[in-house]
Amino acid sequence: MSFQVQEDDCLHLLLRSSAAALESCLAVAGPGDSIVLLGTAVFLLIEPGVWPESGQIPRVFLHSADIKAHGLDRFEQIAEFPTVSEQELVDLVCRHRHCLSWK
């Protein structure tokens, strides 16, 4: 997968299924930023009402191993977002100037 990311964009790593962490992350994320859902944070995609309905949401990527591990690959919402492997996650981290983790 080829990512087109600007050097000054920020990568946000959301590590837990926490609506508060997602809200904090979205409050500071800029339009050119990216978010990767890792661990239990992948459950946020199927939780109703946690994602804003309008406005600019940064690019969202899903960690493929966590989607599989939690059995979420059967949900239609998941197919709307690109997934990243371990190596692609490393590539994303390396291509961003800043990286923030959210719990």
PDB file of N, CA and C in Angstrom:
ATOM      1  N   MET A   1       0.851  -1.173   0.000  1.00  0.00           N
ATOM      2  CA  MET A   1       0.000   0.000   0.000  1.00  0.00           C
ATOM      3  C   MET A   1       0.892   1.230   0.000  1.00  0.00           C
ATOM      4  N   SER A   2       0.565   2.190  -0.812  1.00  0.00           N
ATOM      5  CA  SER A   2       1.349   3.415  -0.901  1.00  0.00           C
ATOM      6  C   SER A   2       0.595   4.543  -0.204  1.00  0.00           C
ATOM      7  N   PHE A   3       1.234   5.179   0.752  1.00  0.00           N
ATOM      8  CA  PHE A   3       0.612   6.263   1.493  1.00  0.00           C
ATOM      9  C   PHE A   3       1.155   7.588   1.007  1.00  0.00           C
ATOM     10  N   GLN A   4       0.268   8.528   0.758  1.00  0.00           N
ATOM     11  CA  GLN A   4       0.673   9.870   0.370  1.00  0.00           C
ATOM     12  C   GLN A   4       0.450  10.771   1.573  1.00  0.00           C
ATOM     13  N   VAL A   5       1.507  10.999   2.310  1.00  0.00           N
ATOM     14  CA  VAL A   5       1.418  11.734   3.558  1.00  0.00           C
ATOM     15  C   VAL A   5       2.410  12.874   3.525  1.00  0.00           C
ATOM     16  N   GLN A   6       1.992  14.033   3.973  1.00  0.00           N
ATOM     17  CA  GLN A   6       2.882  15.184   4.058  1.00  0.00           C
ATOM     18  C   GLN A   6       3.797  15.013   5.260  1.00  0.00           C
ATOM     19  N   GLU A   7       4.996  15.539   5.157  1.00  0.00           N
ATOM     20  CA  GLU A   7       5.978  15.396   6.222  1.00  0.00           C
ATOM     21  C   GLU A   7       5.521  16.003   7.543  1.00  0.00           C
ATOM     22  N   ASP A   8       4.708  17.049   7.505  1.00  0.00           N
ATOM     23  CA  ASP A   8       4.329  17.715   8.748  1.00  0.00           C
ATOM     24  C   ASP A   8       3.009  17.207   9.323  1.00  0.00           C
ATOM     25  N   ASP A   9       2.404  16.187   8.719  1.00  0.00           N
ATOM     26  CA  ASP A   9       1.186  15.615   9.268  1.00  0.00           C
ATOM     27  C   ASP A   9       1.492  14.872  10.557  1.00  0.00           C
ATOM     28  N   CYS A  10       0.472  14.677  11.365  1.00  0.00           N
ATOM     29  CA  CYS A  10       0.619  13.962  12.626  1.00  0.00           C
ATOM     30  C   CYS A  10      -0.134  12.634  12.538  1.00  0.00           C
ATOM     31  N   LEU A  11       0.468  11.595  13.062  1.00  0.00           N
ATOM     32  CA  LEU A  11      -0.163  10.287  13.132  1.00  0.00           C
ATOM     33  C   LEU A  11      -0.658  10.081  14.556  1.00  0.00           C
ATOM     34  N   HIS A  12      -1.946   9.791  14.694  1.00  0.00           N
ATOM     35  CA  HIS A  12      -2.565   9.569  15.995  1.00  0.00           C
ATOM     36  C   HIS A  12      -2.823   8.071  16.141  1.00  0.00           C
ATOM     37  N   LEU A  13      -2.279   7.473  17.189  1.00  0.00           N
ATOM     38  CA  LEU A  13      -2.477   6.054  17.450  1.00  0.00           C
ATOM     39  C   LEU A  13      -3.483   5.912  18.588  1.00  0.00           C
ATOM     40  N   LEU A  14      -4.663   5.457  18.266  1.00  0.00           N
ATOM     41  CA  LEU A  14      -5.711   5.275  19.263  1.00  0.00           C
ATOM     42  C   LEU A  14      -5.648   3.825  19.730  1.00  0.00           C
ATOM     43  N   LEU A  15      -5.353   3.620  21.025  1.00  0.00           N
ATOM     44  CA  LEU A  15      -5.007   2.297  21.534  1.00  0.00           C
ATOM     45  C   LEU A  15      -6.117   1.581  22.293  1.00  0.00           C
ATOM     46  N   ARG A  16      -7.138   2.281  22.724  1.00  0.00           N
ATOM     47  CA  ARG A  16      -8.210   1.660  23.513  1.00  0.00           C
ATOM     48  C   ARG A  16      -9.573   2.092  23.014  1.00  0.00           C
ATOM     49  N   SER A  17     -10.549   1.260  23.294  1.00  0.00           N
ATOM     50  CA  SER A  17     -11.928   1.578  22.939  1.00  0.00           C
ATOM     51  C   SER A  17     -12.483   2.555  23.963  1.00  0.00           C
ATOM     52  N   SER A  18     -12.155   3.804  23.785  1.00  0.00           N
ATOM     53  CA  SER A  18     -12.553   4.854  24.719  1.00  0.00           C
ATOM     54  C   SER A  18     -13.109   6.032  23.925  1.00  0.00           C
ATOM     55  N   ALA A  19     -14.401   6.302  24.134  1.00  0.00           N
ATOM     56  CA  ALA A  19     -15.024   7.438  23.448  1.00  0.00           C
ATOM     57  C   ALA A  19     -14.347   8.746  23.855  1.00  0.00           C
ATOM     58  N   ALA A  20     -13.909   8.837  25.108  1.00  0.00           N
ATOM     59  CA  ALA A  20     -13.235  10.053  25.583  1.00  0.00           C
ATOM     60  C   ALA A  20     -11.899  10.243  24.870  1.00  0.00           C
ATOM     61  N   ALA A  21     -11.148   9.152  24.678  1.00  0.00           N
ATOM     62  CA  ALA A  21      -9.869   9.254  23.971  1.00  0.00           C
ATOM     63  C   ALA A  21     -10.096   9.650  22.519  1.00  0.00           C
ATOM     64  N   LEU A  22     -11.111   9.072  21.883  1.00  0.00           N
ATOM     65  CA  LEU A  22     -11.424   9.433  20.502  1.00  0.00           C
ATOM     66  C   LEU A  22     -11.819  10.897  20.409  1.00  0.00           C
ATOM     67  N   GLU A  23     -12.636  11.356  21.328  1.00  0.00           N
ATOM     68  CA  GLU A  23     -13.064  12.756  21.327  1.00  0.00           C
ATOM     69  C   GLU A  23     -11.867  13.691  21.485  1.00  0.00           C
ATOM     70  N   SER A  24     -10.956  13.370  22.394  1.00  0.00           N
ATOM     71  CA  SER A  24      -9.755  14.187  22.597  1.00  0.00           C
ATOM     72  C   SER A  24      -8.884  14.178  21.352  1.00  0.00           C
ATOM     73  N   CYS A  25      -8.741  13.019  20.752  1.00  0.00           N
ATOM     74  CA  CYS A  25      -7.935  12.883  19.539  1.00  0.00           C
ATOM     75  C   CYS A  25      -8.510  13.729  18.407  1.00  0.00           C
ATOM     76  N   LEU A  26      -9.815  13.601  18.177  1.00  0.00           N
ATOM     77  CA  LEU A  26     -10.457  14.359  17.098  1.00  0.00           C
ATOM     78  C   LEU A  26     -10.417  15.862  17.344  1.00  0.00           C
ATOM     79  N   ALA A  27     -10.381  16.263  18.614  1.00  0.00           N
ATOM     80  CA  ALA A  27     -10.347  17.691  18.947  1.00  0.00           C
ATOM     81  C   ALA A  27      -9.041  18.348  18.514  1.00  0.00           C
ATOM     82  N   VAL A  28      -7.952  17.586  18.481  1.00  0.00           N
ATOM     83  CA  VAL A  28      -6.659  18.170  18.114  1.00  0.00           C
ATOM     84  C   VAL A  28      -6.182  17.757  16.724  1.00  0.00           C
ATOM     85  N   ALA A  29      -6.812  16.749  16.137  1.00  0.00           N
ATOM     86  CA  ALA A  29      -6.377  16.261  14.825  1.00  0.00           C
ATOM     87  C   ALA A  29      -6.713  17.269  13.741  1.00  0.00           C
ATOM     88  N   GLY A  30      -5.735  17.524  12.903  1.00  0.00           N
ATOM     89  CA  GLY A  30      -5.928  18.432  11.783  1.00  0.00           C
ATOM     90  C   GLY A  30      -6.421  17.690  10.559  1.00  0.00           C
ATOM     91  N   PRO A  31      -6.849  18.428   9.538  1.00  0.00           N
ATOM     92  CA  PRO A  31      -7.392  17.791   8.335  1.00  0.00           C
ATOM     93  C   PRO A  31      -6.388  16.926   7.583  1.00  0.00           C
ATOM     94  N   GLY A  32      -5.093  17.165   7.735  1.00  0.00           N
ATOM     95  CA  GLY A  32      -4.087  16.358   7.061  1.00  0.00           C
ATOM     96  C   GLY A  32      -3.544  15.225   7.910  1.00  0.00           C
ATOM     97  N   ASP A  33      -4.067  15.075   9.125  1.00  0.00           N
ATOM     98  CA  ASP A  33      -3.595  14.034  10.031  1.00  0.00           C
ATOM     99  C   ASP A  33      -4.215  12.683   9.691  1.00  0.00           C
ATOM    100  N   SER A  34      -3.643  11.647  10.274  1.00  0.00           N
ATOM    101  CA  SER A  34      -4.163  10.291  10.128  1.00  0.00           C
ATOM    102  C   SER A  34      -4.350   9.683  11.501  1.00  0.00           C
ATOM    103  N   ILE A  35      -5.336   8.785  11.604  1.00  0.00           N
ATOM    104  CA  ILE A  35      -5.600   8.062  12.843  1.00  0.00           C
ATOM    105  C   ILE A  35      -5.517   6.570  12.540  1.00  0.00           C
ATOM    106  N   VAL A  36      -4.833   5.835  13.409  1.00  0.00           N
ATOM    107  CA  VAL A  36      -4.803   4.377  13.298  1.00  0.00           C
ATOM    108  C   VAL A  36      -5.469   3.813  14.547  1.00  0.00           C
ATOM    109  N   LEU A  37      -6.473   2.965  14.342  1.00  0.00           N
ATOM    110  CA  LEU A  37      -7.134   2.302  15.456  1.00  0.00           C
ATOM    111  C   LEU A  37      -6.429   0.972  15.710  1.00  0.00           C
ATOM    112  N   LEU A  38      -5.928   0.835  16.934  1.00  0.00           N
ATOM    113  CA  LEU A  38      -5.167  -0.356  17.344  1.00  0.00           C
ATOM    114  C   LEU A  38      -5.814  -0.983  18.572  1.00  0.00           C
ATOM    115  N   GLY A  39      -5.528  -2.253  18.801  1.00  0.00           N
ATOM    116  CA  GLY A  39      -6.044  -2.919  19.996  1.00  0.00           C
ATOM    117  C   GLY A  39      -7.556  -2.859  20.044  1.00  0.00           C
ATOM    118  N   THR A  40      -8.089  -2.573  21.224  1.00  0.00           N
ATOM    119  CA  THR A  40      -9.547  -2.526  21.376  1.00  0.00           C
ATOM    120  C   THR A  40     -10.170  -1.281  20.763  1.00  0.00           C
ATOM    121  N   ALA A  41      -9.364  -0.338  20.321  1.00  0.00           N
ATOM    122  CA  ALA A  41      -9.904   0.870  19.679  1.00  0.00           C
ATOM    123  C   ALA A  41     -10.670   0.528  18.404  1.00  0.00           C
ATOM    124  N   VAL A  42     -10.408  -0.637  17.803  1.00  0.00           N
ATOM    125  CA  VAL A  42     -11.142  -1.016  16.593  1.00  0.00           C
ATOM    126  C   VAL A  42     -12.632  -1.156  16.868  1.00  0.00           C
ATOM    127  N   PHE A  43     -13.021  -1.399  18.116  1.00  0.00           N
ATOM    128  CA  PHE A  43     -14.439  -1.497  18.472  1.00  0.00           C
ATOM    129  C   PHE A  43     -15.174  -0.165  18.306  1.00  0.00           C
ATOM    130  N   LEU A  44     -14.433   0.949  18.278  1.00  0.00           N
ATOM    131  CA  LEU A  44     -15.063   2.260  18.122  1.00  0.00           C
ATOM    132  C   LEU A  44     -15.794   2.386  16.793  1.00  0.00           C
ATOM    133  N   LEU A  45     -15.399   1.610  15.798  1.00  0.00           N
ATOM    134  CA  LEU A  45     -16.055   1.690  14.498  1.00  0.00           C
ATOM    135  C   LEU A  45     -17.471   1.148  14.506  1.00  0.00           C
ATOM    136  N   ILE A  46     -17.761   0.222  15.399  1.00  0.00           N
ATOM    137  CA  ILE A  46     -19.102  -0.363  15.421  1.00  0.00           C
ATOM    138  C   ILE A  46     -19.942   0.166  16.584  1.00  0.00           C
ATOM    139  N   GLU A  47     -19.356   1.065  17.367  1.00  0.00           N
ATOM    140  CA  GLU A  47     -20.072   1.660  18.491  1.00  0.00           C
ATOM    141  C   GLU A  47     -20.861   2.868  17.996  1.00  0.00           C
ATOM    142  N   PRO A  48     -22.186   2.830  18.124  1.00  0.00           N
ATOM    143  CA  PRO A  48     -22.992   3.941  17.596  1.00  0.00           C
ATOM    144  C   PRO A  48     -22.774   5.247  18.362  1.00  0.00           C
ATOM    145  N   GLY A  49     -22.755   6.330  17.604  1.00  0.00           N
ATOM    146  CA  GLY A  49     -22.735   7.657  18.187  1.00  0.00           C
ATOM    147  C   GLY A  49     -21.397   8.197  18.649  1.00  0.00           C
ATOM    148  N   VAL A  50     -20.292   7.473  18.449  1.00  0.00           N
ATOM    149  CA  VAL A  50     -19.011   8.005  18.927  1.00  0.00           C
ATOM    150  C   VAL A  50     -18.290   8.825  17.869  1.00  0.00           C
ATOM    151  N   TRP A  51     -18.594   8.610  16.589  1.00  0.00           N
ATOM    152  CA  TRP A  51     -17.951   9.362  15.516  1.00  0.00           C
ATOM    153  C   TRP A  51     -18.826  10.556  15.149  1.00  0.00           C
ATOM    154  N   PRO A  52     -18.213  11.695  14.914  1.00  0.00           N
ATOM    155  CA  PRO A  52     -19.002  12.863  14.488  1.00  0.00           C
ATOM    156  C   PRO A  52     -19.690  12.573  13.163  1.00  0.00           C
ATOM    157  N   GLU A  53     -20.897  13.084  13.015  1.00  0.00           N
ATOM    158  CA  GLU A  53     -21.643  12.836  11.784  1.00  0.00           C
ATOM    159  C   GLU A  53     -21.211  13.738  10.642  1.00  0.00           C
ATOM    160  N   SER A  54     -20.690  14.893  10.979  1.00  0.00           N
ATOM    161  CA  SER A  54     -20.256  15.805   9.917  1.00  0.00           C
ATOM    162  C   SER A  54     -18.929  16.434  10.315  1.00  0.00           C
ATOM    163  N   GLY A  55     -18.414  17.216   9.404  1.00  0.00           N
ATOM    164  CA  GLY A  55     -17.126  17.853   9.665  1.00  0.00           C
ATOM    165  C   GLY A  55     -16.010  17.035   9.063  1.00  0.00           C
ATOM    166  N   GLN A  56     -14.821  17.537   9.210  1.00  0.00           N
ATOM    167  CA  GLN A  56     -13.672  16.857   8.629  1.00  0.00           C
ATOM    168  C   GLN A  56     -13.088  15.868   9.624  1.00  0.00           C
ATOM    169  N   ILE A  57     -13.161  14.610   9.247  1.00  0.00           N
ATOM    170  CA  ILE A  57     -12.542  13.557  10.036  1.00  0.00           C
ATOM    171  C   ILE A  57     -11.252  13.178   9.316  1.00  0.00           C
ATOM    172  N   PRO A  58     -10.153  13.115  10.049  1.00  0.00           N
ATOM    173  CA  PRO A  58      -8.894  12.721   9.399  1.00  0.00           C
ATOM    174  C   PRO A  58      -8.993  11.315   8.799  1.00  0.00           C
ATOM    175  N   ARG A  59      -7.998  10.965   8.002  1.00  0.00           N
ATOM    176  CA  ARG A  59      -7.952   9.604   7.458  1.00  0.00           C
ATOM    177  C   ARG A  59      -7.883   8.623   8.611  1.00  0.00           C
ATOM    178  N   VAL A  60      -8.663   7.556   8.517  1.00  0.00           N
ATOM    179  CA  VAL A  60      -8.682   6.533   9.559  1.00  0.00           C
ATOM    180  C   VAL A  60      -8.223   5.212   8.958  1.00  0.00           C
ATOM    181  N   PHE A  61      -7.243   4.595   9.607  1.00  0.00           N
ATOM    182  CA  PHE A  61      -6.736   3.287   9.208  1.00  0.00           C
ATOM    183  C   PHE A  61      -7.006   2.300  10.336  1.00  0.00           C
ATOM    184  N   LEU A  62      -7.178   1.049   9.970  1.00  0.00           N
ATOM    185  CA  LEU A  62      -7.426   0.000  10.953  1.00  0.00           C
ATOM    186  C   LEU A  62      -6.270  -0.992  10.939  1.00  0.00           C
ATOM    187  N   HIS A  63      -5.845  -1.397  12.105  1.00  0.00           N
ATOM    188  CA  HIS A  63      -4.790  -2.403  12.199  1.00  0.00           C
ATOM    189  C   HIS A  63      -5.421  -3.761  11.886  1.00  0.00           C
ATOM    190  N   SER A  64      -4.999  -4.366  10.788  1.00  0.00           N
ATOM    191  CA  SER A  64      -5.643  -5.585  10.290  1.00  0.00           C
ATOM    192  C   SER A  64      -5.593  -6.734  11.289  1.00  0.00           C
ATOM    193  N   ALA A  65      -4.498  -6.886  12.006  1.00  0.00           N
ATOM    194  CA  ALA A  65      -4.390  -7.977  12.983  1.00  0.00           C
ATOM    195  C   ALA A  65      -5.404  -7.812  14.114  1.00  0.00           C
ATOM    196  N   ASP A  66      -5.665  -6.573  14.524  1.00  0.00           N
ATOM    197  CA  ASP A  66      -6.636  -6.339  15.597  1.00  0.00           C
ATOM    198  C   ASP A  66      -8.070  -6.535  15.117  1.00  0.00           C
ATOM    199  N   ILE A  67      -8.340  -6.188  13.863  1.00  0.00           N
ATOM    200  CA  ILE A  67      -9.671  -6.437  13.290  1.00  0.00           C
ATOM    201  C   ILE A  67      -9.947  -7.936  13.304  1.00  0.00           C
ATOM    202  N   LYS A  68      -8.984  -8.715  12.866  1.00  0.00           N
ATOM    203  CA  LYS A  68      -9.135 -10.178  12.844  1.00  0.00           C
ATOM    204  C   LYS A  68      -9.219 -10.750  14.256  1.00  0.00           C
ATOM    205  N   ALA A  69      -8.334 -10.306  15.132  1.00  0.00           N
ATOM    206  CA  ALA A  69      -8.271 -10.842  16.491  1.00  0.00           C
ATOM    207  C   ALA A  69      -9.578 -10.640  17.252  1.00  0.00           C
ATOM    208  N   HIS A  70     -10.281  -9.550  16.958  1.00  0.00           N
ATOM    209  CA  HIS A  70     -11.529  -9.250  17.654  1.00  0.00           C
ATOM    210  C   HIS A  70     -12.768  -9.669  16.856  1.00  0.00           C
ATOM    211  N   GLY A  71     -12.561 -10.336  15.727  1.00  0.00           N
ATOM    212  CA  GLY A  71     -13.681 -10.851  14.940  1.00  0.00           C
ATOM    213  C   GLY A  71     -14.556  -9.790  14.307  1.00  0.00           C
ATOM    214  N   LEU A  72     -13.964  -8.639  13.993  1.00  0.00           N
ATOM    215  CA  LEU A  72     -14.758  -7.529  13.452  1.00  0.00           C
ATOM    216  C   LEU A  72     -14.777  -7.479  11.927  1.00  0.00           C
ATOM    217  N   ASP A  73     -14.076  -8.384  11.270  1.00  0.00           N
ATOM    218  CA  ASP A  73     -14.004  -8.336   9.811  1.00  0.00           C
ATOM    219  C   ASP A  73     -15.341  -8.659   9.144  1.00  0.00           C
ATOM    220  N   ARG A  74     -16.330  -9.087   9.903  1.00  0.00           N
ATOM    221  CA  ARG A  74     -17.650  -9.385   9.331  1.00  0.00           C
ATOM    222  C   ARG A  74     -18.575  -8.162   9.273  1.00  0.00           C
ATOM    223  N   PHE A  75     -18.190  -7.055   9.908  1.00  0.00           N
ATOM    224  CA  PHE A  75     -19.030  -5.860   9.938  1.00  0.00           C
ATOM    225  C   PHE A  75     -18.810  -5.000   8.696  1.00  0.00           C
ATOM    226  N   GLU A  76     -19.896  -4.525   8.109  1.00  0.00           N
ATOM    227  CA  GLU A  76     -19.826  -3.712   6.885  1.00  0.00           C
ATOM    228  C   GLU A  76     -19.044  -2.418   7.083  1.00  0.00           C
ATOM    229  N   GLN A  77     -19.170  -1.792   8.255  1.00  0.00           N
ATOM    230  CA  GLN A  77     -18.476  -0.522   8.515  1.00  0.00           C
ATOM    231  C   GLN A  77     -16.970  -0.662   8.347  1.00  0.00           C
ATOM    232  N   ILE A  78     -16.446  -1.835   8.653  1.00  0.00           N
ATOM    233  CA  ILE A  78     -15.013  -2.067   8.604  1.00  0.00           C
ATOM    234  C   ILE A  78     -14.485  -1.941   7.177  1.00  0.00           C
ATOM    235  N   ALA A  79     -15.271  -2.409   6.222  1.00  0.00           N
ATOM    236  CA  ALA A  79     -14.842  -2.410   4.815  1.00  0.00           C
ATOM    237  C   ALA A  79     -14.643  -0.999   4.266  1.00  0.00           C
ATOM    238  N   GLU A  80     -15.209   0.006   4.914  1.00  0.00           N
ATOM    239  CA  GLU A  80     -15.095   1.388   4.448  1.00  0.00           C
ATOM    240  C   GLU A  80     -13.727   2.007   4.733  1.00  0.00           C
ATOM    241  N   PHE A  81     -12.936   1.365   5.584  1.00  0.00           N
ATOM    242  CA  PHE A  81     -11.658   1.939   6.012  1.00  0.00           C
ATOM    243  C   PHE A  81     -10.505   1.068   5.548  1.00  0.00           C
ATOM    244  N   PRO A  82      -9.391   1.694   5.152  1.00  0.00           N
ATOM    245  CA  PRO A  82      -8.220   0.902   4.766  1.00  0.00           C
ATOM    246  C   PRO A  82      -7.585   0.251   5.994  1.00  0.00           C
ATOM    247  N   THR A  83      -7.057  -0.947   5.790  1.00  0.00           N
ATOM    248  CA  THR A  83      -6.362  -1.640   6.869  1.00  0.00           C
ATOM    249  C   THR A  83      -4.853  -1.545   6.647  1.00  0.00           C
ATOM    250  N   VAL A  84      -4.111  -1.671   7.740  1.00  0.00           N
ATOM    251  CA  VAL A  84      -2.650  -1.654   7.656  1.00  0.00           C
ATOM    252  C   VAL A  84      -2.097  -2.870   8.376  1.00  0.00           C
ATOM    253  N   SER A  85      -1.073  -3.464   7.789  1.00  0.00           N
ATOM    254  CA  SER A  85      -0.349  -4.574   8.399  1.00  0.00           C
ATOM    255  C   SER A  85       0.687  -3.999   9.365  1.00  0.00           C
ATOM    256  N   GLU A  86       1.430  -4.881  10.001  1.00  0.00           N
ATOM    257  CA  GLU A  86       2.507  -4.424  10.894  1.00  0.00           C
ATOM    258  C   GLU A  86       3.510  -3.559  10.143  1.00  0.00           C
ATOM    259  N   GLN A  87       3.953  -4.020   8.975  1.00  0.00           N
ATOM    260  CA  GLN A  87       4.956  -3.271   8.201  1.00  0.00           C
ATOM    261  C   GLN A  87       4.389  -1.936   7.720  1.00  0.00           C
ATOM    262  N   GLU A  88       3.141  -1.927   7.290  1.00  0.00           N
ATOM    263  CA  GLU A  88       2.529  -0.677   6.836  1.00  0.00           C
ATOM    264  C   GLU A  88       2.369   0.301   7.990  1.00  0.00           C
ATOM    265  N   LEU A  89       2.120  -0.199   9.192  1.00  0.00           N
ATOM    266  CA  LEU A  89       2.046   0.668  10.365  1.00  0.00           C
ATOM    267  C   LEU A  89       3.406   1.314  10.619  1.00  0.00           C
ATOM    268  N   VAL A  90       4.455   0.535  10.526  1.00  0.00           N
ATOM    269  CA  VAL A  90       5.812   1.079  10.687  1.00  0.00           C
ATOM    270  C   VAL A  90       6.072   2.144   9.620  1.00  0.00           C
ATOM    271  N   ASP A  91       5.668   1.878   8.386  1.00  0.00           N
ATOM    272  CA  ASP A  91       5.840   2.853   7.306  1.00  0.00           C
ATOM    273  C   ASP A  91       5.086   4.150   7.610  1.00  0.00           C
ATOM    274  N   LEU A  92       3.858   4.025   8.121  1.00  0.00           N
ATOM    275  CA  LEU A  92       3.081   5.223   8.473  1.00  0.00           C
ATOM    276  C   LEU A  92       3.790   6.040   9.546  1.00  0.00           C
ATOM    277  N   VAL A  93       4.280   5.369  10.569  1.00  0.00           N
ATOM    278  CA  VAL A  93       4.985   6.069  11.656  1.00  0.00           C
ATOM    279  C   VAL A  93       6.207   6.798  11.098  1.00  0.00           C
ATOM    280  N   CYS A  94       6.940   6.138  10.230  1.00  0.00           N
ATOM    281  CA  CYS A  94       8.161   6.744   9.671  1.00  0.00           C
ATOM    282  C   CYS A  94       7.866   7.922   8.748  1.00  0.00           C
ATOM    283  N   ARG A  95       6.713   7.945   8.138  1.00  0.00           N
ATOM    284  CA  ARG A  95       6.380   9.010   7.186  1.00  0.00           C
ATOM    285  C   ARG A  95       5.763  10.237   7.835  1.00  0.00           C
ATOM    286  N   HIS A  96       5.471  10.159   9.102  1.00  0.00           N
ATOM    287  CA  HIS A  96       4.897  11.303   9.806  1.00  0.00           C
ATOM    288  C   HIS A  96       5.960  11.954  10.684  1.00  0.00           C
ATOM    289  N   ARG A  97       5.906  13.256  10.725  1.00  0.00           N
ATOM    290  CA  ARG A  97       6.862  13.997  11.548  1.00  0.00           C
ATOM    291  C   ARG A  97       6.557  13.830  13.037  1.00  0.00           C
ATOM    292  N   HIS A  98       5.261  13.762  13.373  1.00  0.00           N
ATOM    293  CA  HIS A  98       4.832  13.643  14.771  1.00  0.00           C
ATOM    294  C   HIS A  98       3.921  12.424  14.925  1.00  0.00           C
ATOM    295  N   CYS A  99       3.959  11.850  16.115  1.00  0.00           N
ATOM    296  CA  CYS A  99       3.119  10.702  16.407  1.00  0.00           C
ATOM    297  C   CYS A  99       2.616  10.842  17.839  1.00  0.00           C
ATOM    298  N   LEU A 100       1.292  10.775  18.012  1.00  0.00           N
ATOM    299  CA  LEU A 100       0.676  10.873  19.342  1.00  0.00           C
ATOM    300  C   LEU A 100      -0.088   9.598  19.625  1.00  0.00           C
ATOM    301  N   SER A 101      -0.006   9.127  20.883  1.00  0.00           N
ATOM    302  CA  SER A 101      -0.760   7.950  21.302  1.00  0.00           C
ATOM    303  C   SER A 101      -1.882   8.385  22.238  1.00  0.00           C
ATOM    304  N   TRP A 102      -3.030   7.751  22.076  1.00  0.00           N
ATOM    305  CA  TRP A 102      -4.216   8.070  22.870  1.00  0.00           C
ATOM    306  C   TRP A 102      -4.728   6.807  23.537  1.00  0.00           C
ATOM    307  N   LYS A 103      -5.043   6.910  24.835  1.00  0.00           N
ATOM    308  CA  LYS A 103      -5.612   5.785  25.598  1.00  0.00           C
ATOM    309  C   LYS A 103      -6.886   6.210  26.261  1.00  0.00           C
TER     310      LYS A 103
END
